[in-house]
Amino acid sequence: MAVLKVLELMSSSEKSWEDASRIAVAKASETVKNIKSVWVKEQSMSVKDGNISEFRVTLKVTFEIN
């Protein structure tokens, strides 16, 4: 039987929500091993001068504990 743990992470990107998600997963995988899945809990944006300036995501990262 596997035991899984869930971390909640926040990340941002000037390009896209997808890029913000990739940044978070890449950074988490530097120290967290056995990542099994990622769920996008929330997406938001910052607006500056009438334009989108930043894409933000809140992710749930699930990994297996050995």
PDB file of N, CA and C in Angstrom:
ATOM      1  N   MET A   1       0.836  -1.180   0.000  1.00  0.00           N
ATOM      2  CA  MET A   1       0.000   0.000   0.000  1.00  0.00           C
ATOM      3  C   MET A   1       0.882   1.246   0.000  1.00  0.00           C
ATOM      4  N   ALA A   2       0.571   2.197  -0.845  1.00  0.00           N
ATOM      5  CA  ALA A   2       1.337   3.440  -0.955  1.00  0.00           C
ATOM      6  C   ALA A   2       0.761   4.505  -0.025  1.00  0.00           C
ATOM      7  N   VAL A   3       1.651   5.331   0.473  1.00  0.00           N
ATOM      8  CA  VAL A   3       1.255   6.498   1.265  1.00  0.00           C
ATOM      9  C   VAL A   3       1.649   7.729   0.463  1.00  0.00           C
ATOM     10  N   LEU A   4       0.695   8.629   0.276  1.00  0.00           N
ATOM     11  CA  LEU A   4       0.927   9.832  -0.515  1.00  0.00           C
ATOM     12  C   LEU A   4       0.807  11.068   0.362  1.00  0.00           C
ATOM     13  N   LYS A   5       1.565  12.086   0.018  1.00  0.00           N
ATOM     14  CA  LYS A   5       1.509  13.362   0.714  1.00  0.00           C
ATOM     15  C   LYS A   5       1.215  14.444  -0.322  1.00  0.00           C
ATOM     16  N   VAL A   6       0.528  15.499   0.103  1.00  0.00           N
ATOM     17  CA  VAL A   6       0.165  16.592  -0.804  1.00  0.00           C
ATOM     18  C   VAL A   6       0.757  17.905  -0.289  1.00  0.00           C
ATOM     19  N   LEU A   7       1.452  18.595  -1.187  1.00  0.00           N
ATOM     20  CA  LEU A   7       1.976  19.933  -0.899  1.00  0.00           C
ATOM     21  C   LEU A   7       1.183  20.947  -1.703  1.00  0.00           C
ATOM     22  N   GLU A   8       0.974  22.109  -1.143  1.00  0.00           N
ATOM     23  CA  GLU A   8       0.338  23.188  -1.894  1.00  0.00           C
ATOM     24  C   GLU A   8       1.419  24.209  -2.232  1.00  0.00           C
ATOM     25  N   LEU A   9       1.545  24.511  -3.524  1.00  0.00           N
ATOM     26  CA  LEU A   9       2.559  25.441  -4.003  1.00  0.00           C
ATOM     27  C   LEU A   9       1.919  26.576  -4.776  1.00  0.00           C
ATOM     28  N   MET A  10       2.560  27.728  -4.753  1.00  0.00           N
ATOM     29  CA  MET A  10       2.131  28.877  -5.560  1.00  0.00           C
ATOM     30  C   MET A  10       3.297  29.269  -6.451  1.00  0.00           C
ATOM     31  N   SER A  11       2.981  29.663  -7.678  1.00  0.00           N
ATOM     32  CA  SER A  11       4.004  30.056  -8.632  1.00  0.00           C
ATOM     33  C   SER A  11       3.433  31.114  -9.569  1.00  0.00           C
ATOM     34  N   SER A  12       4.331  31.820 -10.259  1.00  0.00           N
ATOM     35  CA  SER A  12       3.877  32.836 -11.208  1.00  0.00           C
ATOM     36  C   SER A  12       4.790  32.872 -12.424  1.00  0.00           C
ATOM     37  N   SER A  13       4.262  33.447 -13.504  1.00  0.00           N
ATOM     38  CA  SER A  13       5.006  33.600 -14.748  1.00  0.00           C
ATOM     39  C   SER A  13       4.448  34.792 -15.508  1.00  0.00           C
ATOM     40  N   GLU A  14       5.293  35.444 -16.263  1.00  0.00           N
ATOM     41  CA  GLU A  14       4.829  36.523 -17.134  1.00  0.00           C
ATOM     42  C   GLU A  14       4.279  35.981 -18.440  1.00  0.00           C
ATOM     43  N   LYS A  15       4.503  34.676 -18.728  1.00  0.00           N
ATOM     44  CA  LYS A  15       4.103  34.077 -20.005  1.00  0.00           C
ATOM     45  C   LYS A  15       2.706  33.451 -19.986  1.00  0.00           C
ATOM     46  N   SER A  16       2.469  32.509 -19.035  1.00  0.00           N
ATOM     47  CA  SER A  16       1.209  31.757 -19.053  1.00  0.00           C
ATOM     48  C   SER A  16       1.028  30.982 -17.751  1.00  0.00           C
ATOM     49  N   TRP A  17      -0.199  30.466 -17.560  1.00  0.00           N
ATOM     50  CA  TRP A  17      -0.460  29.585 -16.419  1.00  0.00           C
ATOM     51  C   TRP A  17       0.323  28.292 -16.577  1.00  0.00           C
ATOM     52  N   GLU A  18       0.423  27.796 -17.798  1.00  0.00           N
ATOM     53  CA  GLU A  18       1.180  26.567 -18.048  1.00  0.00           C
ATOM     54  C   GLU A  18       2.647  26.757 -17.651  1.00  0.00           C
ATOM     55  N   ASP A  19       3.223  27.860 -18.012  1.00  0.00           N
ATOM     56  CA  ASP A  19       4.612  28.145 -17.652  1.00  0.00           C
ATOM     57  C   ASP A  19       4.772  28.259 -16.136  1.00  0.00           C
ATOM     58  N   ALA A  20       3.839  28.903 -15.477  1.00  0.00           N
ATOM     59  CA  ALA A  20       3.885  29.004 -14.013  1.00  0.00           C
ATOM     60  C   ALA A  20       3.819  27.617 -13.375  1.00  0.00           C
ATOM     61  N   SER A  21       2.997  26.733 -13.930  1.00  0.00           N
ATOM     62  CA  SER A  21       2.893  25.363 -13.423  1.00  0.00           C
ATOM     63  C   SER A  21       4.196  24.609 -13.636  1.00  0.00           C
ATOM     64  N   ARG A  22       4.774  24.737 -14.815  1.00  0.00           N
ATOM     65  CA  ARG A  22       6.051  24.065 -15.107  1.00  0.00           C
ATOM     66  C   ARG A  22       7.161  24.542 -14.160  1.00  0.00           C
ATOM     67  N   ILE A  23       7.201  25.830 -13.886  1.00  0.00           N
ATOM     68  CA  ILE A  23       8.196  26.382 -12.974  1.00  0.00           C
ATOM     69  C   ILE A  23       8.047  25.760 -11.583  1.00  0.00           C
ATOM     70  N   ALA A  24       6.817  25.674 -11.091  1.00  0.00           N
ATOM     71  CA  ALA A  24       6.568  25.118  -9.753  1.00  0.00           C
ATOM     72  C   ALA A  24       6.971  23.653  -9.672  1.00  0.00           C
ATOM     73  N   VAL A  25       6.593  22.866 -10.680  1.00  0.00           N
ATOM     74  CA  VAL A  25       6.922  21.436 -10.671  1.00  0.00           C
ATOM     75  C   VAL A  25       8.436  21.232 -10.781  1.00  0.00           C
ATOM     76  N   ALA A  26       9.096  21.997 -11.637  1.00  0.00           N
ATOM     77  CA  ALA A  26      10.546  21.870 -11.789  1.00  0.00           C
ATOM     78  C   ALA A  26      11.265  22.207 -10.485  1.00  0.00           C
ATOM     79  N   LYS A  27      10.824  23.270  -9.833  1.00  0.00           N
ATOM     80  CA  LYS A  27      11.456  23.673  -8.570  1.00  0.00           C
ATOM     81  C   LYS A  27      11.190  22.640  -7.475  1.00  0.00           C
ATOM     82  N   ALA A  28       9.954  22.162  -7.380  1.00  0.00           N
ATOM     83  CA  ALA A  28       9.611  21.164  -6.364  1.00  0.00           C
ATOM     84  C   ALA A  28      10.402  19.873  -6.570  1.00  0.00           C
ATOM     85  N   SER A  29      10.590  19.479  -7.819  1.00  0.00           N
ATOM     86  CA  SER A  29      11.275  18.208  -8.097  1.00  0.00           C
ATOM     87  C   SER A  29      12.762  18.255  -7.755  1.00  0.00           C
ATOM     88  N   GLU A  30      13.300  19.439  -7.476  1.00  0.00           N
ATOM     89  CA  GLU A  30      14.688  19.541  -7.018  1.00  0.00           C
ATOM     90  C   GLU A  30      14.872  18.906  -5.637  1.00  0.00           C
ATOM     91  N   THR A  31      13.828  18.958  -4.809  1.00  0.00           N
ATOM     92  CA  THR A  31      13.934  18.412  -3.449  1.00  0.00           C
ATOM     93  C   THR A  31      12.904  17.340  -3.135  1.00  0.00           C
ATOM     94  N   VAL A  32      11.805  17.310  -3.867  1.00  0.00           N
ATOM     95  CA  VAL A  32      10.746  16.323  -3.618  1.00  0.00           C
ATOM     96  C   VAL A  32      10.849  15.223  -4.673  1.00  0.00           C
ATOM     97  N   LYS A  33      10.995  13.996  -4.216  1.00  0.00           N
ATOM     98  CA  LYS A  33      11.093  12.861  -5.133  1.00  0.00           C
ATOM     99  C   LYS A  33       9.747  12.148  -5.222  1.00  0.00           C
ATOM    100  N   ASN A  34       9.569  11.349  -6.246  1.00  0.00           N
ATOM    101  CA  ASN A  34       8.370  10.512  -6.437  1.00  0.00           C
ATOM    102  C   ASN A  34       7.094  11.333  -6.631  1.00  0.00           C
ATOM    103  N   ILE A  35       7.180  12.481  -7.321  1.00  0.00           N
ATOM    104  CA  ILE A  35       5.980  13.255  -7.630  1.00  0.00           C
ATOM    105  C   ILE A  35       5.109  12.431  -8.570  1.00  0.00           C
ATOM    106  N   LYS A  36       3.847  12.254  -8.194  1.00  0.00           N
ATOM    107  CA  LYS A  36       2.932  11.408  -8.961  1.00  0.00           C
ATOM    108  C   LYS A  36       1.920  12.211  -9.764  1.00  0.00           C
ATOM    109  N   SER A  37       1.488  13.355  -9.248  1.00  0.00           N
ATOM    110  CA  SER A  37       0.493  14.149  -9.968  1.00  0.00           C
ATOM    111  C   SER A  37       0.486  15.585  -9.457  1.00  0.00           C
ATOM    112  N   VAL A  38      -0.111  16.444 -10.281  1.00  0.00           N
ATOM    113  CA  VAL A  38      -0.262  17.857  -9.925  1.00  0.00           C
ATOM    114  C   VAL A  38      -1.676  18.273 -10.298  1.00  0.00           C
ATOM    115  N   TRP A  39      -2.350  18.951  -9.393  1.00  0.00           N
ATOM    116  CA  TRP A  39      -3.703  19.433  -9.622  1.00  0.00           C
ATOM    117  C   TRP A  39      -3.687  20.949  -9.509  1.00  0.00           C
ATOM    118  N   VAL A  40      -4.203  21.627 -10.517  1.00  0.00           N
ATOM    119  CA  VAL A  40      -4.287  23.086 -10.482  1.00  0.00           C
ATOM    120  C   VAL A  40      -5.523  23.459  -9.672  1.00  0.00           C
ATOM    121  N   LYS A  41      -5.292  23.999  -8.500  1.00  0.00           N
ATOM    122  CA  LYS A  41      -6.382  24.363  -7.589  1.00  0.00           C
ATOM    123  C   LYS A  41      -6.983  25.708  -7.961  1.00  0.00           C
ATOM    124  N   GLU A  42      -6.121  26.656  -8.350  1.00  0.00           N
ATOM    125  CA  GLU A  42      -6.597  28.018  -8.598  1.00  0.00           C
ATOM    126  C   GLU A  42      -5.693  28.719  -9.602  1.00  0.00           C
ATOM    127  N   GLN A  43      -6.292  29.565 -10.413  1.00  0.00           N
ATOM    128  CA  GLN A  43      -5.553  30.389 -11.364  1.00  0.00           C
ATOM    129  C   GLN A  43      -5.987  31.845 -11.166  1.00  0.00           C
ATOM    130  N   SER A  44      -5.029  32.757 -11.279  1.00  0.00           N
ATOM    131  CA  SER A  44      -5.362  34.179 -11.199  1.00  0.00           C
ATOM    132  C   SER A  44      -4.346  34.958 -12.028  1.00  0.00           C
ATOM    133  N   MET A  45      -4.620  36.249 -12.195  1.00  0.00           N
ATOM    134  CA  MET A  45      -3.739  37.107 -12.974  1.00  0.00           C
ATOM    135  C   MET A  45      -3.573  38.441 -12.277  1.00  0.00           C
ATOM    136  N   SER A  46      -2.453  39.077 -12.552  1.00  0.00           N
ATOM    137  CA  SER A  46      -2.225  40.459 -12.154  1.00  0.00           C
ATOM    138  C   SER A  46      -2.401  41.319 -13.388  1.00  0.00           C
ATOM    139  N   VAL A  47      -2.949  42.495 -13.204  1.00  0.00           N
ATOM    140  CA  VAL A  47      -3.152  43.417 -14.322  1.00  0.00           C
ATOM    141  C   VAL A  47      -2.429  44.719 -14.005  1.00  0.00           C
ATOM    142  N   LYS A  48      -1.714  45.224 -15.019  1.00  0.00           N
ATOM    143  CA  LYS A  48      -0.999  46.496 -14.876  1.00  0.00           C
ATOM    144  C   LYS A  48      -1.239  47.312 -16.136  1.00  0.00           C
ATOM    145  N   ASP A  49      -1.713  48.516 -15.960  1.00  0.00           N
ATOM    146  CA  ASP A  49      -1.982  49.427 -17.084  1.00  0.00           C
ATOM    147  C   ASP A  49      -2.912  48.806 -18.123  1.00  0.00           C
ATOM    148  N   GLY A  50      -3.909  48.061 -17.660  1.00  0.00           N
ATOM    149  CA  GLY A  50      -4.898  47.471 -18.552  1.00  0.00           C
ATOM    150  C   GLY A  50      -4.446  46.217 -19.274  1.00  0.00           C
ATOM    151  N   ASN A  51      -3.272  45.702 -18.943  1.00  0.00           N
ATOM    152  CA  ASN A  51      -2.757  44.482 -19.569  1.00  0.00           C
ATOM    153  C   ASN A  51      -2.411  43.439 -18.513  1.00  0.00           C
ATOM    154  N   ILE A  52      -2.510  42.176 -18.886  1.00  0.00           N
ATOM    155  CA  ILE A  52      -2.115  41.100 -17.978  1.00  0.00           C
ATOM    156  C   ILE A  52      -0.604  41.162 -17.803  1.00  0.00           C
ATOM    157  N   SER A  53      -0.168  41.248 -16.561  1.00  0.00           N
ATOM    158  CA  SER A  53       1.266  41.355 -16.292  1.00  0.00           C
ATOM    159  C   SER A  53       1.852  40.083 -15.689  1.00  0.00           C
ATOM    160  N   GLU A  54       0.990  39.238 -15.099  1.00  0.00           N
ATOM    161  CA  GLU A  54       1.498  38.037 -14.446  1.00  0.00           C
ATOM    162  C   GLU A  54       0.392  36.998 -14.337  1.00  0.00           C
ATOM    163  N   PHE A  55       0.737  35.749 -14.597  1.00  0.00           N
ATOM    164  CA  PHE A  55      -0.169  34.613 -14.427  1.00  0.00           C
ATOM    165  C   PHE A  55       0.246  33.887 -13.153  1.00  0.00           C
ATOM    166  N   ARG A  56      -0.727  33.567 -12.315  1.00  0.00           N
ATOM    167  CA  ARG A  56      -0.441  32.908 -11.036  1.00  0.00           C
ATOM    168  C   ARG A  56      -1.229  31.605 -10.926  1.00  0.00           C
ATOM    169  N   VAL A  57      -0.601  30.601 -10.332  1.00  0.00           N
ATOM    170  CA  VAL A  57      -1.277  29.323 -10.094  1.00  0.00           C
ATOM    171  C   VAL A  57      -1.040  28.875  -8.658  1.00  0.00           C
ATOM    172  N   THR A  58      -2.021  28.182  -8.131  1.00  0.00           N
ATOM    173  CA  THR A  58      -1.871  27.456  -6.877  1.00  0.00           C
ATOM    174  C   THR A  58      -2.052  25.989  -7.232  1.00  0.00           C
ATOM    175  N   LEU A  59      -1.057  25.176  -6.892  1.00  0.00           N
ATOM    176  CA  LEU A  59      -1.035  23.772  -7.276  1.00  0.00           C
ATOM    177  C   LEU A  59      -1.042  22.863  -6.057  1.00  0.00           C
ATOM    178  N   LYS A  60      -1.635  21.696  -6.205  1.00  0.00           N
ATOM    179  CA  LYS A  60      -1.530  20.611  -5.228  1.00  0.00           C
ATOM    180  C   LYS A  60      -0.624  19.567  -5.852  1.00  0.00           C
ATOM    181  N   VAL A  61       0.523  19.324  -5.257  1.00  0.00           N
ATOM    182  CA  VAL A  61       1.502  18.376  -5.763  1.00  0.00           C
ATOM    183  C   VAL A  61       1.450  17.129  -4.881  1.00  0.00           C
ATOM    184  N   THR A  62       1.191  15.979  -5.500  1.00  0.00           N
ATOM    185  CA  THR A  62       1.087  14.716  -4.767  1.00  0.00           C
ATOM    186  C   THR A  62       2.337  13.878  -5.017  1.00  0.00           C
ATOM    187  N   PHE A  63       2.916  13.383  -3.932  1.00  0.00           N
ATOM    188  CA  PHE A  63       4.099  12.520  -4.075  1.00  0.00           C
ATOM    189  C   PHE A  63       4.009  11.362  -3.105  1.00  0.00           C
ATOM    190  N   GLU A  64       4.704  10.283  -3.485  1.00  0.00           N
ATOM    191  CA  GLU A  64       4.678   9.056  -2.680  1.00  0.00           C
ATOM    192  C   GLU A  64       5.772   9.097  -1.639  1.00  0.00           C
ATOM    193  N   ILE A  65       5.407   8.699  -0.416  1.00  0.00           N
ATOM    194  CA  ILE A  65       6.370   8.602   0.673  1.00  0.00           C
ATOM    195  C   ILE A  65       6.846   7.156   0.747  1.00  0.00           C
ATOM    196  N   ASN A  66       8.157   6.963   0.748  1.00  0.00           N
ATOM    197  CA  ASN A  66       8.704   5.602   0.830  1.00  0.00           C
ATOM    198  C   ASN A  66       8.906   5.175   2.257  1.00  0.00           C
TER     199      ASN A  66
END
